PDB file of N, CA and C in Angstrom:
ATOM      1  N   MET A   1       0.855  -1.172   0.000  1.00  0.00           N
ATOM      2  CA  MET A   1       0.000   0.000   0.000  1.00  0.00           C
ATOM      3  C   MET A   1       0.902   1.237   0.000  1.00  0.00           C
ATOM      4  N   ILE A   2       0.643   2.136  -0.894  1.00  0.00           N
ATOM      5  CA  ILE A   2       1.410   3.373  -0.998  1.00  0.00           C
ATOM      6  C   ILE A   2       0.764   4.432  -0.115  1.00  0.00           C
ATOM      7  N   ASP A   3       1.555   5.069   0.739  1.00  0.00           N
ATOM      8  CA  ASP A   3       1.057   6.161   1.579  1.00  0.00           C
ATOM      9  C   ASP A   3       1.429   7.474   0.908  1.00  0.00           C
ATOM     10  N   PHE A   4       0.453   8.092   0.252  1.00  0.00           N
ATOM     11  CA  PHE A   4       0.707   9.325  -0.484  1.00  0.00           C
ATOM     12  C   PHE A   4       0.709  10.558   0.414  1.00  0.00           C
ATOM     13  N   LEU A   5       0.374  10.403   1.693  1.00  0.00           N
ATOM     14  CA  LEU A   5       0.327  11.556   2.593  1.00  0.00           C
ATOM     15  C   LEU A   5       1.658  11.800   3.293  1.00  0.00           C
ATOM     16  N   ARG A   6       2.362  10.740   3.622  1.00  0.00           N
ATOM     17  CA  ARG A   6       3.647  10.894   4.321  1.00  0.00           C
ATOM     18  C   ARG A   6       4.771  11.045   3.304  1.00  0.00           C
ATOM     19  N   GLY A   7       5.675  11.934   3.605  1.00  0.00           N
ATOM     20  CA  GLY A   7       6.831  12.108   2.738  1.00  0.00           C
ATOM     21  C   GLY A   7       6.527  12.768   1.411  1.00  0.00           C
ATOM     22  N   ALA A   8       5.384  13.394   1.301  1.00  0.00           N
ATOM     23  CA  ALA A   8       5.023  14.068   0.047  1.00  0.00           C
ATOM     24  C   ALA A   8       5.608  15.468   0.039  1.00  0.00           C
ATOM     25  N   PRO A   9       5.998  16.011  -1.040  1.00  0.00           N
ATOM     26  CA  PRO A   9       6.032  15.369  -2.355  1.00  0.00           C
ATOM     27  C   PRO A   9       7.225  14.429  -2.490  1.00  0.00           C
ATOM     28  N   VAL A  10       7.066  13.457  -3.342  1.00  0.00           N
ATOM     29  CA  VAL A  10       8.125  12.481  -3.590  1.00  0.00           C
ATOM     30  C   VAL A  10       9.088  13.064  -4.620  1.00  0.00           C
ATOM     31  N   PRO A  11      10.383  13.061  -4.327  1.00  0.00           N
ATOM     32  CA  PRO A  11      11.328  13.599  -5.309  1.00  0.00           C
ATOM     33  C   PRO A  11      11.404  12.699  -6.536  1.00  0.00           C
ATOM     34  N   GLY A  12      11.592  13.319  -7.675  1.00  0.00           N
ATOM     35  CA  GLY A  12      11.714  12.584  -8.923  1.00  0.00           C
ATOM     36  C   GLY A  12      12.994  12.959  -9.634  1.00  0.00           C
ATOM     37  N   SER A  13      13.284  12.253 -10.694  1.00  0.00           N
ATOM     38  CA  SER A  13      14.504  12.500 -11.458  1.00  0.00           C
ATOM     39  C   SER A  13      14.166  12.889 -12.892  1.00  0.00           C
ATOM     40  N   LEU A  14      14.673  14.029 -13.308  1.00  0.00           N
ATOM     41  CA  LEU A  14      14.556  14.433 -14.708  1.00  0.00           C
ATOM     42  C   LEU A  14      15.903  14.292 -15.410  1.00  0.00           C
ATOM     43  N   ASP A  15      16.721  13.384 -14.894  1.00  0.00           N
ATOM     44  CA  ASP A  15      18.026  13.124 -15.488  1.00  0.00           C
ATOM     45  C   ASP A  15      17.831  12.239 -16.723  1.00  0.00           C
ATOM     46  N   VAL A  16      17.396  12.866 -17.798  1.00  0.00           N
ATOM     47  CA  VAL A  16      17.105  12.143 -19.034  1.00  0.00           C
ATOM     48  C   VAL A  16      17.476  13.033 -20.214  1.00  0.00           C
ATOM     49  N   VAL A  17      17.915  12.414 -21.272  1.00  0.00           N
ATOM     50  CA  VAL A  17      18.172  13.132 -22.526  1.00  0.00           C
ATOM     51  C   VAL A  17      17.134  12.637 -23.521  1.00  0.00           C
ATOM     52  N   TRP A  18      16.230  13.517 -23.911  1.00  0.00           N
ATOM     53  CA  TRP A  18      15.179  13.139 -24.850  1.00  0.00           C
ATOM     54  C   TRP A  18      15.757  13.074 -26.260  1.00  0.00           C
ATOM     55  N   HIS A  19      15.393  12.048 -26.981  1.00  0.00           N
ATOM     56  CA  HIS A  19      15.860  11.848 -28.355  1.00  0.00           C
ATOM     57  C   HIS A  19      15.333  12.977 -29.234  1.00  0.00           C
ATOM     58  N   ALA A  20      16.195  13.577 -30.022  1.00  0.00           N
ATOM     59  CA  ALA A  20      15.833  14.763 -30.812  1.00  0.00           C
ATOM     60  C   ALA A  20      15.354  14.436 -32.220  1.00  0.00           C
ATOM     61  N   GLY A  21      15.146  13.189 -32.525  1.00  0.00           N
ATOM     62  CA  GLY A  21      14.701  12.838 -33.866  1.00  0.00           C
ATOM     63  C   GLY A  21      15.876  12.415 -34.736  1.00  0.00           C
ATOM     64  N   TRP A  22      15.596  12.212 -36.018  1.00  0.00           N
ATOM     65  CA  TRP A  22      16.591  11.697 -36.944  1.00  0.00           C
ATOM     66  C   TRP A  22      16.339  12.329 -38.302  1.00  0.00           C
ATOM     67  N   PRO A  23      17.372  12.596 -39.083  1.00  0.00           N
ATOM     68  CA  PRO A  23      17.145  13.215 -40.399  1.00  0.00           C
ATOM     69  C   PRO A  23      16.196  12.405 -41.281  1.00  0.00           C
ATOM     70  N   SER A  24      16.298  11.085 -41.206  1.00  0.00           N
ATOM     71  CA  SER A  24      15.409  10.215 -41.971  1.00  0.00           C
ATOM     72  C   SER A  24      14.561   9.408 -40.994  1.00  0.00           C
ATOM     73  N   PRO A  25      13.300   9.798 -40.779  1.00  0.00           N
ATOM     74  CA  PRO A  25      12.455   9.078 -39.816  1.00  0.00           C
ATOM     75  C   PRO A  25      12.372   7.573 -40.072  1.00  0.00           C
ATOM     76  N   LYS A  26      12.433   7.191 -41.326  1.00  0.00           N
ATOM     77  CA  LYS A  26      12.338   5.771 -41.676  1.00  0.00           C
ATOM     78  C   LYS A  26      13.508   4.963 -41.099  1.00  0.00           C
ATOM     79  N   HIS A  27      14.664   5.601 -40.947  1.00  0.00           N
ATOM     80  CA  HIS A  27      15.864   4.908 -40.475  1.00  0.00           C
ATOM     81  C   HIS A  27      16.246   5.278 -39.037  1.00  0.00           C
ATOM     82  N   ASP A  28      15.353   5.901 -38.312  1.00  0.00           N
ATOM     83  CA  ASP A  28      15.632   6.315 -36.931  1.00  0.00           C
ATOM     84  C   ASP A  28      15.817   5.078 -36.051  1.00  0.00           C
ATOM     85  N   PRO A  29      16.986   4.934 -35.387  1.00  0.00           N
ATOM     86  CA  PRO A  29      17.218   3.755 -34.554  1.00  0.00           C
ATOM     87  C   PRO A  29      16.537   3.817 -33.181  1.00  0.00           C
ATOM     88  N   ALA A  30      16.063   4.969 -32.784  1.00  0.00           N
ATOM     89  CA  ALA A  30      15.434   5.131 -31.466  1.00  0.00           C
ATOM     90  C   ALA A  30      14.024   4.534 -31.466  1.00  0.00           C
ATOM     91  N   PRO A  31      13.522   4.147 -30.284  1.00  0.00           N
ATOM     92  CA  PRO A  31      12.155   3.614 -30.208  1.00  0.00           C
ATOM     93  C   PRO A  31      11.117   4.696 -30.510  1.00  0.00           C
ATOM     94  N   GLU A  32       9.918   4.276 -30.883  1.00  0.00           N
ATOM     95  CA  GLU A  32       8.847   5.233 -31.186  1.00  0.00           C
ATOM     96  C   GLU A  32       8.416   5.998 -29.946  1.00  0.00           C
ATOM     97  N   ILE A  33       8.527   5.373 -28.785  1.00  0.00           N
ATOM     98  CA  ILE A  33       8.197   6.031 -27.519  1.00  0.00           C
ATOM     99  C   ILE A  33       9.364   5.826 -26.553  1.00  0.00           C
ATOM    100  N   GLN A  34       9.889   6.928 -26.026  1.00  0.00           N
ATOM    101  CA  GLN A  34      10.978   6.887 -25.049  1.00  0.00           C
ATOM    102  C   GLN A  34      10.360   6.891 -23.653  1.00  0.00           C
ATOM    103  N   VAL A  35      10.845   6.024 -22.778  1.00  0.00           N
ATOM    104  CA  VAL A  35      10.278   5.839 -21.440  1.00  0.00           C
ATOM    105  C   VAL A  35      11.296   6.274 -20.387  1.00  0.00           C
ATOM    106  N   HIS A  36      10.823   7.044 -19.392  1.00  0.00           N
ATOM    107  CA  HIS A  36      11.683   7.483 -18.292  1.00  0.00           C
ATOM    108  C   HIS A  36      10.924   7.343 -16.975  1.00  0.00           C
ATOM    109  N   ALA A  37      11.506   6.602 -16.028  1.00  0.00           N
ATOM    110  CA  ALA A  37      10.909   6.461 -14.699  1.00  0.00           C
ATOM    111  C   ALA A  37      11.258   7.702 -13.884  1.00  0.00           C
ATOM    112  N   TYR A  38      10.282   8.594 -13.728  1.00  0.00           N
ATOM    113  CA  TYR A  38      10.494   9.840 -12.987  1.00  0.00           C
ATOM    114  C   TYR A  38      10.594   9.569 -11.487  1.00  0.00           C
ATOM    115  N   SER A  39       9.703   8.747 -10.994  1.00  0.00           N
ATOM    116  CA  SER A  39       9.710   8.356  -9.583  1.00  0.00           C
ATOM    117  C   SER A  39       9.089   6.967  -9.475  1.00  0.00           C
ATOM    118  N   GLU A  40       8.958   6.505  -8.253  1.00  0.00           N
ATOM    119  CA  GLU A  40       8.376   5.185  -8.012  1.00  0.00           C
ATOM    120  C   GLU A  40       6.936   5.097  -8.523  1.00  0.00           C
ATOM    121  N   HIS A  41       6.251   6.228  -8.603  1.00  0.00           N
ATOM    122  CA  HIS A  41       4.829   6.248  -8.944  1.00  0.00           C
ATOM    123  C   HIS A  41       4.522   6.959 -10.252  1.00  0.00           C
ATOM    124  N   THR A  42       5.545   7.453 -10.940  1.00  0.00           N
ATOM    125  CA  THR A  42       5.324   8.253 -12.142  1.00  0.00           C
ATOM    126  C   THR A  42       6.299   7.854 -13.244  1.00  0.00           C
ATOM    127  N   VAL A  43       5.747   7.608 -14.429  1.00  0.00           N
ATOM    128  CA  VAL A  43       6.562   7.298 -15.599  1.00  0.00           C
ATOM    129  C   VAL A  43       6.239   8.320 -16.682  1.00  0.00           C
ATOM    130  N   LEU A  44       7.281   8.900 -17.268  1.00  0.00           N
ATOM    131  CA  LEU A  44       7.124   9.846 -18.365  1.00  0.00           C
ATOM    132  C   LEU A  44       7.429   9.119 -19.668  1.00  0.00           C
ATOM    133  N   LEU A  45       6.558   9.310 -20.643  1.00  0.00           N
ATOM    134  CA  LEU A  45       6.764   8.715 -21.959  1.00  0.00           C
ATOM    135  C   LEU A  45       6.730   9.845 -22.982  1.00  0.00           C
ATOM    136  N   ARG A  46       7.569   9.765 -23.996  1.00  0.00           N
ATOM    137  CA  ARG A  46       7.605  10.816 -25.016  1.00  0.00           C
ATOM    138  C   ARG A  46       7.672  10.164 -26.385  1.00  0.00           C
ATOM    139  N   GLN A  47       6.784  10.619 -27.257  1.00  0.00           N
ATOM    140  CA  GLN A  47       6.802  10.114 -28.619  1.00  0.00           C
ATOM    141  C   GLN A  47       8.018  10.663 -29.352  1.00  0.00           C
ATOM    142  N   ASN A  48       8.598   9.835 -30.173  1.00  0.00           N
ATOM    143  CA  ASN A  48       9.766  10.204 -30.955  1.00  0.00           C
ATOM    144  C   ASN A  48       9.390  11.279 -31.979  1.00  0.00           C
ATOM    145  N   LYS A  49      10.269  12.246 -32.173  1.00  0.00           N
ATOM    146  CA  LYS A  49      10.017  13.296 -33.167  1.00  0.00           C
ATOM    147  C   LYS A  49       9.926  12.729 -34.578  1.00  0.00           C
ATOM    148  N   SER A  50      10.470  11.563 -34.796  1.00  0.00           N
ATOM    149  CA  SER A  50      10.348  10.921 -36.102  1.00  0.00           C
ATOM    150  C   SER A  50       8.940  10.378 -36.323  1.00  0.00           C
ATOM    151  N   VAL A  51       8.201  10.168 -35.236  1.00  0.00           N
ATOM    152  CA  VAL A  51       6.818   9.702 -35.328  1.00  0.00           C
ATOM    153  C   VAL A  51       5.874  10.890 -35.487  1.00  0.00           C
ATOM    154  N   HIS A  52       6.107  11.941 -34.683  1.00  0.00           N
ATOM    155  CA  HIS A  52       5.284  13.152 -34.760  1.00  0.00           C
ATOM    156  C   HIS A  52       6.150  14.354 -34.422  1.00  0.00           C
ATOM    157  N   TYR A  53       6.031  15.400 -35.211  1.00  0.00           N
ATOM    158  CA  TYR A  53       6.923  16.557 -35.085  1.00  0.00           C
ATOM    159  C   TYR A  53       6.822  17.274 -33.741  1.00  0.00           C
ATOM    160  N   GLU A  54       5.703  17.143 -33.027  1.00  0.00           N
ATOM    161  CA  GLU A  54       5.553  17.817 -31.733  1.00  0.00           C
ATOM    162  C   GLU A  54       6.193  17.043 -30.581  1.00  0.00           C
ATOM    163  N   ALA A  55       6.498  15.778 -30.782  1.00  0.00           N
ATOM    164  CA  ALA A  55       7.070  14.909 -29.743  1.00  0.00           C
ATOM    165  C   ALA A  55       6.303  15.028 -28.427  1.00  0.00           C
ATOM    166  N   PRO A  56       4.987  14.744 -28.437  1.00  0.00           N
ATOM    167  CA  PRO A  56       4.174  14.910 -27.229  1.00  0.00           C
ATOM    168  C   PRO A  56       4.528  13.907 -26.130  1.00  0.00           C
ATOM    169  N   PHE A  57       4.138  14.280 -24.916  1.00  0.00           N
ATOM    170  CA  PHE A  57       4.392  13.469 -23.730  1.00  0.00           C
ATOM    171  C   PHE A  57       3.143  12.703 -23.319  1.00  0.00           C
ATOM    172  N   LEU A  58       3.373  11.592 -22.629  1.00  0.00           N
ATOM    173  CA  LEU A  58       2.338  10.828 -21.956  1.00  0.00           C
ATOM    174  C   LEU A  58       2.820  10.648 -20.521  1.00  0.00           C
ATOM    175  N   PHE A  59       1.889  10.633 -19.581  1.00  0.00           N
ATOM    176  CA  PHE A  59       2.236  10.511 -18.174  1.00  0.00           C
ATOM    177  C   PHE A  59       1.486   9.319 -17.597  1.00  0.00           C
ATOM    178  N   LEU A  60       2.215   8.377 -17.012  1.00  0.00           N
ATOM    179  CA  LEU A  60       1.618   7.203 -16.395  1.00  0.00           C
ATOM    180  C   LEU A  60       1.792   7.327 -14.885  1.00  0.00           C
ATOM    181  N   LEU A  61       0.657   7.444 -14.178  1.00  0.00           N
ATOM    182  CA  LEU A  61       0.650   7.665 -12.731  1.00  0.00           C
ATOM    183  C   LEU A  61       0.090   6.425 -12.039  1.00  0.00           C
ATOM    184  N   PHE A  62       0.812   5.921 -11.040  1.00  0.00           N
ATOM    185  CA  PHE A  62       0.406   4.717 -10.317  1.00  0.00           C
ATOM    186  C   PHE A  62      -0.149   5.080  -8.951  1.00  0.00           C
ATOM    187  N   GLY A  63      -1.317   4.524  -8.624  1.00  0.00           N
ATOM    188  CA  GLY A  63      -1.913   4.685  -7.304  1.00  0.00           C
ATOM    189  C   GLY A  63      -1.973   3.342  -6.607  1.00  0.00           C
ATOM    190  N   ASN A  64      -2.728   3.266  -5.515  1.00  0.00           N
ATOM    191  CA  ASN A  64      -2.846   2.013  -4.771  1.00  0.00           C
ATOM    192  C   ASN A  64      -3.695   0.974  -5.495  1.00  0.00           C
ATOM    193  N   ASP A  65      -4.755   1.430  -6.145  1.00  0.00           N
ATOM    194  CA  ASP A  65      -5.680   0.501  -6.782  1.00  0.00           C
ATOM    195  C   ASP A  65      -5.703   0.592  -8.296  1.00  0.00           C
ATOM    196  N   ARG A  66      -5.237   1.706  -8.831  1.00  0.00           N
ATOM    197  CA  ARG A  66      -5.359   1.945 -10.269  1.00  0.00           C
ATOM    198  C   ARG A  66      -4.135   2.675 -10.793  1.00  0.00           C
ATOM    199  N   ALA A  67      -4.072   2.703 -12.114  1.00  0.00           N
ATOM    200  CA  ALA A  67      -3.070   3.518 -12.802  1.00  0.00           C
ATOM    201  C   ALA A  67      -3.817   4.434 -13.759  1.00  0.00           C
ATOM    202  N   LEU A  68      -3.265   5.617 -13.993  1.00  0.00           N
ATOM    203  CA  LEU A  68      -3.887   6.603 -14.873  1.00  0.00           C
ATOM    204  C   LEU A  68      -2.882   6.989 -15.943  1.00  0.00           C
ATOM    205  N   LEU A  69      -3.290   6.896 -17.207  1.00  0.00           N
ATOM    206  CA  LEU A  69      -2.453   7.325 -18.319  1.00  0.00           C
ATOM    207  C   LEU A  69      -3.030   8.608 -18.886  1.00  0.00           C
ATOM    208  N   LEU A  70      -2.252   9.689 -18.794  1.00  0.00           N
ATOM    209  CA  LEU A  70      -2.641  10.966 -19.389  1.00  0.00           C
ATOM    210  C   LEU A  70      -1.932  11.058 -20.728  1.00  0.00           C
ATOM    211  N   ASP A  71      -2.704  11.011 -21.793  1.00  0.00           N
ATOM    212  CA  ASP A  71      -2.143  10.938 -23.138  1.00  0.00           C
ATOM    213  C   ASP A  71      -2.317  12.264 -23.857  1.00  0.00           C
ATOM    214  N   THR A  72      -1.231  12.996 -24.025  1.00  0.00           N
ATOM    215  CA  THR A  72      -1.263  14.222 -24.821  1.00  0.00           C
ATOM    216  C   THR A  72      -0.757  13.920 -26.220  1.00  0.00           C
ATOM    217  N   GLY A  73      -0.606  12.624 -26.516  1.00  0.00           N
ATOM    218  CA  GLY A  73       0.001  12.176 -27.762  1.00  0.00           C
ATOM    219  C   GLY A  73      -0.830  12.421 -28.996  1.00  0.00           C
ATOM    220  N   ALA A  74      -0.167  12.216 -30.123  1.00  0.00           N
ATOM    221  CA  ALA A  74      -0.772  12.508 -31.414  1.00  0.00           C
ATOM    222  C   ALA A  74      -1.198  11.254 -32.159  1.00  0.00           C
ATOM    223  N   SER A  75      -0.824  10.086 -31.663  1.00  0.00           N
ATOM    224  CA  SER A  75      -1.194   8.857 -32.358  1.00  0.00           C
ATOM    225  C   SER A  75      -1.802   7.864 -31.379  1.00  0.00           C
ATOM    226  N   ALA A  76      -2.598   6.978 -31.920  1.00  0.00           N
ATOM    227  CA  ALA A  76      -3.278   5.988 -31.083  1.00  0.00           C
ATOM    228  C   ALA A  76      -2.494   4.707 -30.999  1.00  0.00           C
TER     229      ALA A  76
END
């Protein structure tokens, strides 16, 4: 059981280098979605610029009973 009241806010890590895309999207070696564990309860996902020029983010939040995916992405 996660206690969200004690020790809040939980520190996270933004020590990540987001992939900047590739000159030829067809040959981009990076994954279509880059995943970064921000904290124990939060995962940041970013679409590759080779997939969509805006490189939108998705946020996966974990609770005690459920998880919530906030999708600002451009593709399904």
